[in-house]
Amino acid sequence: MNTSTLPLTGKIAIVTGGSRSIGAAIAKRLAADGATVAITYNASPDRAAAVVQEVVAAGGQAVALAADAGNPEAVRAAIAEVAQRFGKIDILVNNAGISLLGAPEDIAFEDFQRILAVNVTGVFVATQQALKHMGQGGRIIHIGSSMVQYAAFATASVYTLSKGALTGFSRGLVRDLGPRGITVNTVHPGPTDSDMNPADGPIADFLRPNIAMGRYGEGKDVASAVAYLASADAGFVTGAELIVDGGFTA
């Protein structure tokens, strides 16, 4: 492989929650495009190791770091380690997230706090830490959800709240970071085959008829959007919300 011709050659990328599903697909795509990729994981060390092994076997570079996205100190430590090891951070993909379904009046406050810790606080902490090591041309990409555009079913209000927070955060960051030449964008996946929402899961038959393309998305569909936003071709794209949902919200 002639890595010098790849679009992300020389770039250092972090993908939070990169051991599984969409995160793993993103990590592998960025590595295939030439980036050195660091992934964080919480409860799946074997799967994280498998992602790294696949990247290395294909001629790329990757490392995996244990860091619960809901633990600010763990997130700070992981990102600091990446920066120390590689000297910089060019791309941050805030992918780590958890789901919480239930009637709002029935959700335990501790569970509410946990989803905010992972989906909101974790994003802020990762962004804050990465910015200390990110220069001109940096990329921050949040993984949101098409649910913020179209609440397709009941019981997801708290999850939607957490993902909706990312859109407001992104808009503010655009103004903060534009003068530094750093872009900030959000990718909103629709129904995508993943651990959180498998294509053969309990709500799949309900959701699939509303997907214009007639199928669930795959991790590589989201990864392609992220790869574009991470590339030089997207240098003037910031503040965008790219919906990758097969027409689900059309």
C-alpha atoms as a PDB file:
ATOM      1  CA  MET A   1       0.000   0.000   0.000  1.00  0.00           C
ATOM      2  CA  ASN A   2       1.358   3.460  -0.944  1.00  0.00           C
ATOM      3  CA  THR A   3       0.260   5.356   2.154  1.00  0.00           C
ATOM      4  CA  SER A   4       1.668   8.665   0.894  1.00  0.00           C
ATOM      5  CA  THR A   5      -1.259   9.006  -1.502  1.00  0.00           C
ATOM      6  CA  LEU A   6      -3.971   8.408   1.089  1.00  0.00           C
ATOM      7  CA  PRO A   7      -6.083  11.431   2.099  1.00  0.00           C
ATOM      8  CA  LEU A   8      -5.395  11.215   5.839  1.00  0.00           C
ATOM      9  CA  THR A   9      -1.723  10.308   5.741  1.00  0.00           C
ATOM     10  CA  GLY A  10       0.094  11.864   8.683  1.00  0.00           C
ATOM     11  CA  LYS A  11      -3.093  12.543  10.642  1.00  0.00           C
ATOM     12  CA  ILE A  12      -3.689  11.364  14.207  1.00  0.00           C
ATOM     13  CA  ALA A  13      -7.298  10.430  14.906  1.00  0.00           C
ATOM     14  CA  ILE A  14      -9.146   9.465  18.081  1.00  0.00           C
ATOM     15  CA  VAL A  15     -12.426   7.568  17.909  1.00  0.00           C
ATOM     16  CA  THR A  16     -14.160   7.235  21.263  1.00  0.00           C
ATOM     17  CA  GLY A  17     -16.076   4.003  21.672  1.00  0.00           C
ATOM     18  CA  GLY A  18     -14.204   2.615  18.696  1.00  0.00           C
ATOM     19  CA  SER A  19     -14.240  -1.059  19.576  1.00  0.00           C
ATOM     20  CA  ARG A  20     -17.717  -1.926  18.336  1.00  0.00           C
ATOM     21  CA  SER A  21     -20.355  -1.295  15.677  1.00  0.00           C
ATOM     22  CA  ILE A  22     -20.311   2.199  14.156  1.00  0.00           C
ATOM     23  CA  GLY A  23     -17.213   3.227  16.097  1.00  0.00           C
ATOM     24  CA  ALA A  24     -15.204   0.271  14.851  1.00  0.00           C
ATOM     25  CA  ALA A  25     -16.271   0.954  11.264  1.00  0.00           C
ATOM     26  CA  ILE A  26     -15.191   4.584  11.615  1.00  0.00           C
ATOM     27  CA  ALA A  27     -11.826   3.637  13.088  1.00  0.00           C
ATOM     28  CA  LYS A  28     -11.115   1.151  10.317  1.00  0.00           C
ATOM     29  CA  ARG A  29     -12.137   3.601   7.584  1.00  0.00           C
ATOM     30  CA  LEU A  30      -9.970   6.427   8.931  1.00  0.00           C
ATOM     31  CA  ALA A  31      -7.049   4.008   9.179  1.00  0.00           C
ATOM     32  CA  ALA A  32      -7.682   2.814   5.620  1.00  0.00           C
ATOM     33  CA  ASP A  33      -7.494   6.464   4.553  1.00  0.00           C
ATOM     34  CA  GLY A  34      -4.047   6.753   6.114  1.00  0.00           C
ATOM     35  CA  ALA A  35      -4.659   8.074   9.629  1.00  0.00           C
ATOM     36  CA  THR A  36      -3.034   6.668  12.733  1.00  0.00           C
ATOM     37  CA  VAL A  37      -6.053   5.795  14.850  1.00  0.00           C
ATOM     38  CA  ALA A  38      -6.483   5.560  18.609  1.00  0.00           C
ATOM     39  CA  ILE A  39      -9.704   4.028  19.868  1.00  0.00           C
ATOM     40  CA  THR A  40     -11.121   4.092  23.366  1.00  0.00           C
ATOM     41  CA  TYR A  41     -13.223   1.327  24.830  1.00  0.00           C
ATOM     42  CA  ASN A  42     -14.896   0.469  28.104  1.00  0.00           C
ATOM     43  CA  ALA A  43     -16.234  -3.084  28.397  1.00  0.00           C
ATOM     44  CA  SER A  44     -14.933  -4.813  25.270  1.00  0.00           C
ATOM     45  CA  PRO A  45     -11.141  -5.214  25.342  1.00  0.00           C
ATOM     46  CA  ASP A  46     -11.205  -8.245  23.060  1.00  0.00           C
ATOM     47  CA  ARG A  47     -13.163  -6.397  20.398  1.00  0.00           C
ATOM     48  CA  ALA A  48     -10.884  -3.380  20.715  1.00  0.00           C
ATOM     49  CA  ALA A  49      -7.862  -5.617  20.209  1.00  0.00           C
ATOM     50  CA  ALA A  50      -9.516  -7.149  17.150  1.00  0.00           C
ATOM     51  CA  VAL A  51     -10.024  -3.711  15.587  1.00  0.00           C
ATOM     52  CA  VAL A  52      -6.374  -2.854  16.158  1.00  0.00           C
ATOM     53  CA  GLN A  53      -5.249  -6.180  14.727  1.00  0.00           C
ATOM     54  CA  GLU A  54      -7.378  -5.692  11.613  1.00  0.00           C
ATOM     55  CA  VAL A  55      -5.971  -2.216  11.031  1.00  0.00           C
ATOM     56  CA  VAL A  56      -2.384  -3.381  11.503  1.00  0.00           C
ATOM     57  CA  ALA A  57      -2.915  -6.404   9.253  1.00  0.00           C
ATOM     58  CA  ALA A  58      -4.068  -4.032   6.517  1.00  0.00           C
ATOM     59  CA  GLY A  59      -0.886  -1.986   6.862  1.00  0.00           C
ATOM     60  CA  GLY A  60      -2.219   0.766   9.123  1.00  0.00           C
ATOM     61  CA  GLN A  61      -1.445   1.958  12.625  1.00  0.00           C
ATOM     62  CA  ALA A  62      -3.826   1.779  15.591  1.00  0.00           C
ATOM     63  CA  VAL A  63      -3.840   1.618  19.367  1.00  0.00           C
ATOM     64  CA  ALA A  64      -6.603   0.886  21.871  1.00  0.00           C
ATOM     65  CA  LEU A  65      -6.963   2.577  25.256  1.00  0.00           C
ATOM     66  CA  ALA A  66      -9.338   1.665  28.057  1.00  0.00           C
ATOM     67  CA  ALA A  67     -11.446   4.696  29.000  1.00  0.00           C
ATOM     68  CA  ASP A  68     -15.048   4.759  30.181  1.00  0.00           C
ATOM     69  CA  ALA A  69     -16.594   7.711  28.331  1.00  0.00           C
ATOM     70  CA  GLY A  70     -18.587   8.497  31.458  1.00  0.00           C
ATOM     71  CA  ASN A  71     -15.434   8.885  33.567  1.00  0.00           C
ATOM     72  CA  PRO A  72     -13.887  12.319  32.921  1.00  0.00           C
ATOM     73  CA  GLU A  73     -10.517  11.445  34.397  1.00  0.00           C
ATOM     74  CA  ALA A  74     -10.248   8.305  32.275  1.00  0.00           C
ATOM     75  CA  VAL A  75     -11.123  10.261  29.125  1.00  0.00           C
ATOM     76  CA  ARG A  76      -8.594  12.990  29.904  1.00  0.00           C
ATOM     77  CA  ALA A  77      -5.895  10.429  30.589  1.00  0.00           C
ATOM     78  CA  ALA A  78      -6.523   8.516  27.355  1.00  0.00           C
ATOM     79  CA  ILE A  79      -6.425  11.602  25.171  1.00  0.00           C
ATOM     80  CA  ALA A  80      -3.345  12.938  26.948  1.00  0.00           C
ATOM     81  CA  GLU A  81      -1.634   9.600  26.308  1.00  0.00           C
ATOM     82  CA  VAL A  82      -2.436   9.777  22.592  1.00  0.00           C
ATOM     83  CA  ALA A  83      -1.080  13.317  22.397  1.00  0.00           C
ATOM     84  CA  GLN A  84       2.077  12.369  24.261  1.00  0.00           C
ATOM     85  CA  ARG A  85       2.654   9.297  22.122  1.00  0.00           C
ATOM     86  CA  PHE A  86       2.054  10.904  18.734  1.00  0.00           C
ATOM     87  CA  GLY A  87       2.716  14.574  19.425  1.00  0.00           C
ATOM     88  CA  LYS A  88      -0.633  15.947  18.266  1.00  0.00           C
ATOM     89  CA  ILE A  89      -4.308  15.244  17.612  1.00  0.00           C
ATOM     90  CA  ASP A  90      -5.811  16.107  14.231  1.00  0.00           C
ATOM     91  CA  ILE A  91      -9.195  14.387  14.299  1.00  0.00           C
ATOM     92  CA  LEU A  92     -11.572  13.686  17.174  1.00  0.00           C
ATOM     93  CA  VAL A  93     -14.648  11.557  16.549  1.00  0.00           C
ATOM     94  CA  ASN A  94     -16.966  11.682  19.552  1.00  0.00           C
ATOM     95  CA  ASN A  95     -18.714   8.385  18.914  1.00  0.00           C
ATOM     96  CA  ALA A  96     -19.044   6.773  22.353  1.00  0.00           C
ATOM     97  CA  GLY A  97     -22.656   6.662  23.466  1.00  0.00           C
ATOM     98  CA  ILE A  98     -25.259   4.615  25.262  1.00  0.00           C
ATOM     99  CA  SER A  99     -29.010   4.298  24.888  1.00  0.00           C
ATOM    100  CA  LEU A 100     -31.714   4.549  27.513  1.00  0.00           C
ATOM    101  CA  LEU A 101     -35.328   3.772  26.733  1.00  0.00           C
ATOM    102  CA  GLY A 102     -38.336   4.125  28.973  1.00  0.00           C
ATOM    103  CA  ALA A 103     -41.222   6.359  29.919  1.00  0.00           C
ATOM    104  CA  PRO A 104     -39.693   9.552  31.322  1.00  0.00           C
ATOM    105  CA  GLU A 105     -41.567   9.227  34.603  1.00  0.00           C
ATOM    106  CA  ASP A 106     -40.153   5.733  35.118  1.00  0.00           C
ATOM    107  CA  ILE A 107     -36.466   6.348  34.428  1.00  0.00           C
ATOM    108  CA  ALA A 108     -34.266   6.163  37.496  1.00  0.00           C
ATOM    109  CA  PHE A 109     -32.365   9.357  38.113  1.00  0.00           C
ATOM    110  CA  GLU A 110     -29.121   7.393  38.355  1.00  0.00           C
ATOM    111  CA  ASP A 111     -29.697   6.048  34.844  1.00  0.00           C
ATOM    112  CA  PHE A 112     -30.433   9.563  33.610  1.00  0.00           C
ATOM    113  CA  GLN A 113     -27.178  10.777  35.111  1.00  0.00           C
ATOM    114  CA  ARG A 114     -25.275   7.941  33.464  1.00  0.00           C
ATOM    115  CA  ILE A 115     -26.552   8.681  29.953  1.00  0.00           C
ATOM    116  CA  LEU A 116     -25.680  12.350  30.363  1.00  0.00           C
ATOM    117  CA  ALA A 117     -22.247  11.410  31.713  1.00  0.00           C
ATOM    118  CA  VAL A 118     -21.462   9.332  28.623  1.00  0.00           C
ATOM    119  CA  ASN A 119     -23.353  11.105  25.842  1.00  0.00           C
ATOM    120  CA  VAL A 120     -22.877  14.720  26.920  1.00  0.00           C
ATOM    121  CA  THR A 121     -20.204  15.189  29.586  1.00  0.00           C
ATOM    122  CA  GLY A 122     -17.950  12.643  27.894  1.00  0.00           C
ATOM    123  CA  VAL A 123     -18.175  14.571  24.631  1.00  0.00           C
ATOM    124  CA  PHE A 124     -17.325  17.856  26.335  1.00  0.00           C
ATOM    125  CA  VAL A 125     -14.374  16.399  28.224  1.00  0.00           C
ATOM    126  CA  ALA A 126     -12.949  14.640  25.157  1.00  0.00           C
ATOM    127  CA  THR A 127     -13.312  17.804  23.091  1.00  0.00           C
ATOM    128  CA  GLN A 128     -11.788  20.027  25.749  1.00  0.00           C
ATOM    129  CA  GLN A 129      -8.789  17.742  26.188  1.00  0.00           C
ATOM    130  CA  ALA A 130      -8.228  17.154  22.468  1.00  0.00           C
ATOM    131  CA  LEU A 131      -8.288  20.878  21.711  1.00  0.00           C
ATOM    132  CA  LYS A 132      -5.176  21.321  23.814  1.00  0.00           C
ATOM    133  CA  HIS A 133      -3.312  19.339  21.156  1.00  0.00           C
ATOM    134  CA  MET A 134      -5.209  20.287  17.965  1.00  0.00           C
ATOM    135  CA  GLY A 135      -4.003  22.881  15.502  1.00  0.00           C
ATOM    136  CA  GLN A 136      -4.980  24.465  12.200  1.00  0.00           C
ATOM    137  CA  GLY A 137      -6.983  22.084  10.043  1.00  0.00           C
ATOM    138  CA  GLY A 138      -8.263  20.046  12.973  1.00  0.00           C
ATOM    139  CA  ARG A 139     -11.524  18.153  12.753  1.00  0.00           C
ATOM    140  CA  ILE A 140     -14.127  17.471  15.441  1.00  0.00           C
ATOM    141  CA  ILE A 141     -16.949  15.159  14.403  1.00  0.00           C
ATOM    142  CA  HIS A 142     -19.824  14.231  16.686  1.00  0.00           C
ATOM    143  CA  ILE A 143     -21.978  11.148  16.154  1.00  0.00           C
ATOM    144  CA  GLY A 144     -25.533  12.200  16.926  1.00  0.00           C
ATOM    145  CA  SER A 145     -28.799  10.528  15.952  1.00  0.00           C
ATOM    146  CA  SER A 146     -31.570  11.048  13.412  1.00  0.00           C
ATOM    147  CA  MET A 147     -33.895  10.911  16.433  1.00  0.00           C
ATOM    148  CA  VAL A 148     -33.149  14.603  16.980  1.00  0.00           C
ATOM    149  CA  GLN A 149     -34.784  15.223  13.584  1.00  0.00           C
ATOM    150  CA  TYR A 150     -37.615  12.709  13.845  1.00  0.00           C
ATOM    151  CA  ALA A 151     -38.624  10.971  17.065  1.00  0.00           C
ATOM    152  CA  ALA A 152     -39.708   7.737  15.441  1.00  0.00           C
ATOM    153  CA  PHE A 153     -41.069   6.000  18.530  1.00  0.00           C
ATOM    154  CA  ALA A 154     -41.916   6.584  22.169  1.00  0.00           C
ATOM    155  CA  THR A 155     -39.651   5.890  25.194  1.00  0.00           C
ATOM    156  CA  ALA A 156     -36.583   7.590  23.662  1.00  0.00           C
ATOM    157  CA  SER A 157     -36.976  11.109  25.051  1.00  0.00           C
ATOM    158  CA  VAL A 158     -33.962  10.954  27.378  1.00  0.00           C
ATOM    159  CA  TYR A 159     -31.730   9.482  24.677  1.00  0.00           C
ATOM    160  CA  THR A 160     -32.928  12.166  22.271  1.00  0.00           C
ATOM    161  CA  LEU A 161     -32.215  14.838  24.878  1.00  0.00           C
ATOM    162  CA  SER A 162     -28.628  13.657  25.178  1.00  0.00           C
ATOM    163  CA  LYS A 163     -28.054  13.566  21.426  1.00  0.00           C
ATOM    164  CA  GLY A 164     -29.823  16.874  20.885  1.00  0.00           C
ATOM    165  CA  ALA A 165     -27.324  18.499  23.224  1.00  0.00           C
ATOM    166  CA  LEU A 166     -24.579  17.726  20.717  1.00  0.00           C
ATOM    167  CA  THR A 167     -26.156  19.883  18.029  1.00  0.00           C
ATOM    168  CA  GLY A 168     -26.185  22.953  20.247  1.00  0.00           C
ATOM    169  CA  PHE A 169     -22.646  22.258  21.431  1.00  0.00           C
ATOM    170  CA  SER A 170     -21.495  21.940  17.816  1.00  0.00           C
ATOM    171  CA  ARG A 171     -22.971  25.291  16.816  1.00  0.00           C
ATOM    172  CA  GLY A 172     -21.210  27.047  19.657  1.00  0.00           C
ATOM    173  CA  LEU A 173     -17.924  25.311  18.889  1.00  0.00           C
ATOM    174  CA  VAL A 174     -18.121  26.413  15.263  1.00  0.00           C
ATOM    175  CA  ARG A 175     -17.854  30.032  16.405  1.00  0.00           C
ATOM    176  CA  ASP A 176     -15.215  29.281  19.011  1.00  0.00           C
ATOM    177  CA  LEU A 177     -12.970  27.250  16.730  1.00  0.00           C
ATOM    178  CA  GLY A 178     -13.471  28.713  13.265  1.00  0.00           C
ATOM    179  CA  PRO A 179     -10.729  31.312  13.796  1.00  0.00           C
ATOM    180  CA  ARG A 180      -8.372  28.441  14.649  1.00  0.00           C
ATOM    181  CA  GLY A 181      -9.148  26.656  11.381  1.00  0.00           C
ATOM    182  CA  ILE A 182     -10.868  23.767  13.169  1.00  0.00           C
ATOM    183  CA  THR A 183     -14.128  22.437  11.738  1.00  0.00           C
ATOM    184  CA  VAL A 184     -16.947  20.973  13.826  1.00  0.00           C
ATOM    185  CA  ASN A 185     -19.670  18.811  12.321  1.00  0.00           C
ATOM    186  CA  THR A 186     -22.256  16.247  13.379  1.00  0.00           C
ATOM    187  CA  VAL A 187     -23.252  13.026  11.644  1.00  0.00           C
ATOM    188  CA  HIS A 188     -26.744  11.796  12.489  1.00  0.00           C
ATOM    189  CA  PRO A 189     -27.110   8.067  11.747  1.00  0.00           C
ATOM    190  CA  GLY A 190     -30.571   6.683  11.203  1.00  0.00           C
ATOM    191  CA  PRO A 191     -31.457   3.056  11.916  1.00  0.00           C
ATOM    192  CA  THR A 192     -28.064   1.388  11.630  1.00  0.00           C
ATOM    193  CA  ASP A 193     -27.195  -2.211  12.347  1.00  0.00           C
ATOM    194  CA  SER A 194     -25.302  -2.035  15.634  1.00  0.00           C
ATOM    195  CA  ASP A 195     -25.188  -3.459  19.120  1.00  0.00           C
ATOM    196  CA  MET A 196     -27.535  -0.698  20.206  1.00  0.00           C
ATOM    197  CA  ASN A 197     -30.045  -1.198  17.387  1.00  0.00           C
ATOM    198  CA  PRO A 198     -29.506  -4.501  15.543  1.00  0.00           C
ATOM    199  CA  ALA A 199     -31.133  -5.017  12.167  1.00  0.00           C
ATOM    200  CA  ASP A 200     -32.916  -8.054  13.597  1.00  0.00           C
ATOM    201  CA  GLY A 201     -33.729  -6.407  16.927  1.00  0.00           C
ATOM    202  CA  PRO A 202     -37.096  -5.777  18.593  1.00  0.00           C
ATOM    203  CA  ILE A 203     -37.829  -2.457  16.859  1.00  0.00           C
ATOM    204  CA  ALA A 204     -36.294  -3.214  13.458  1.00  0.00           C
ATOM    205  CA  ASP A 205     -39.508  -4.408  11.803  1.00  0.00           C
ATOM    206  CA  PHE A 206     -41.233  -1.249  13.002  1.00  0.00           C
ATOM    207  CA  LEU A 207     -38.530   1.078  11.687  1.00  0.00           C
ATOM    208  CA  ARG A 208     -37.565  -0.572   8.405  1.00  0.00           C
ATOM    209  CA  PRO A 209     -40.744   0.256   6.426  1.00  0.00           C
ATOM    210  CA  ASN A 210     -40.028   3.963   6.987  1.00  0.00           C
ATOM    211  CA  ILE A 211     -36.500   3.778   5.563  1.00  0.00           C
ATOM    212  CA  ALA A 212     -36.707   4.975   1.955  1.00  0.00           C
ATOM    213  CA  MET A 213     -33.775   2.812   0.894  1.00  0.00           C
ATOM    214  CA  GLY A 214     -35.530  -0.236   2.298  1.00  0.00           C
ATOM    215  CA  ARG A 215     -32.675  -1.453   4.492  1.00  0.00           C
ATOM    216  CA  TYR A 216     -30.905  -0.732   7.745  1.00  0.00           C
ATOM    217  CA  GLY A 217     -27.723   1.263   7.487  1.00  0.00           C
ATOM    218  CA  GLU A 218     -24.323  -0.308   8.025  1.00  0.00           C
ATOM    219  CA  GLY A 219     -21.388   1.028   9.968  1.00  0.00           C
ATOM    220  CA  LYS A 220     -19.516   1.705   6.740  1.00  0.00           C
ATOM    221  CA  ASP A 221     -22.286   4.089   5.626  1.00  0.00           C
ATOM    222  CA  VAL A 222     -21.665   6.295   8.638  1.00  0.00           C
ATOM    223  CA  ALA A 223     -17.906   5.830   8.375  1.00  0.00           C
ATOM    224  CA  SER A 224     -17.918   7.160   4.814  1.00  0.00           C
ATOM    225  CA  ALA A 225     -19.579  10.371   5.973  1.00  0.00           C
ATOM    226  CA  VAL A 226     -17.069  10.749   8.792  1.00  0.00           C
ATOM    227  CA  ALA A 227     -14.167  10.134   6.410  1.00  0.00           C
ATOM    228  CA  TYR A 228     -15.377  12.940   4.158  1.00  0.00           C
ATOM    229  CA  LEU A 229     -15.728  15.390   7.048  1.00  0.00           C
ATOM    230  CA  ALA A 230     -12.246  14.439   8.268  1.00  0.00           C
ATOM    231  CA  SER A 231     -10.693  15.038   4.866  1.00  0.00           C
ATOM    232  CA  ALA A 232      -9.187  18.129   3.274  1.00  0.00           C
ATOM    233  CA  ASP A 233     -12.149  18.172   0.875  1.00  0.00           C
ATOM    234  CA  ALA A 234     -14.367  19.256   3.796  1.00  0.00           C
ATOM    235  CA  GLY A 235     -12.127  22.128   4.843  1.00  0.00           C
ATOM    236  CA  PHE A 236     -14.916  24.700   4.382  1.00  0.00           C
ATOM    237  CA  VAL A 237     -17.659  22.519   5.886  1.00  0.00           C
ATOM    238  CA  THR A 238     -18.361  23.382   9.503  1.00  0.00           C
ATOM    239  CA  GLY A 239     -21.548  23.498  11.540  1.00  0.00           C
ATOM    240  CA  ALA A 240     -23.130  20.909   9.272  1.00  0.00           C
ATOM    241  CA  GLU A 241     -25.496  18.181  10.381  1.00  0.00           C
ATOM    242  CA  LEU A 242     -25.142  15.316   7.929  1.00  0.00           C
ATOM    243  CA  ILE A 243     -28.032  12.879   8.149  1.00  0.00           C
ATOM    244  CA  VAL A 244     -27.089   9.345   7.105  1.00  0.00           C
ATOM    245  CA  ASP A 245     -30.380   7.518   7.406  1.00  0.00           C
ATOM    246  CA  GLY A 246     -31.398   6.117   4.016  1.00  0.00           C
ATOM    247  CA  GLY A 247     -34.220   8.662   3.805  1.00  0.00           C
ATOM    248  CA  PHE A 248     -35.706   7.759   7.194  1.00  0.00           C
ATOM    249  CA  THR A 249     -36.334  11.400   8.100  1.00  0.00           C
ATOM    250  CA  ALA A 250     -37.190  12.589   4.577  1.00  0.00           C
END
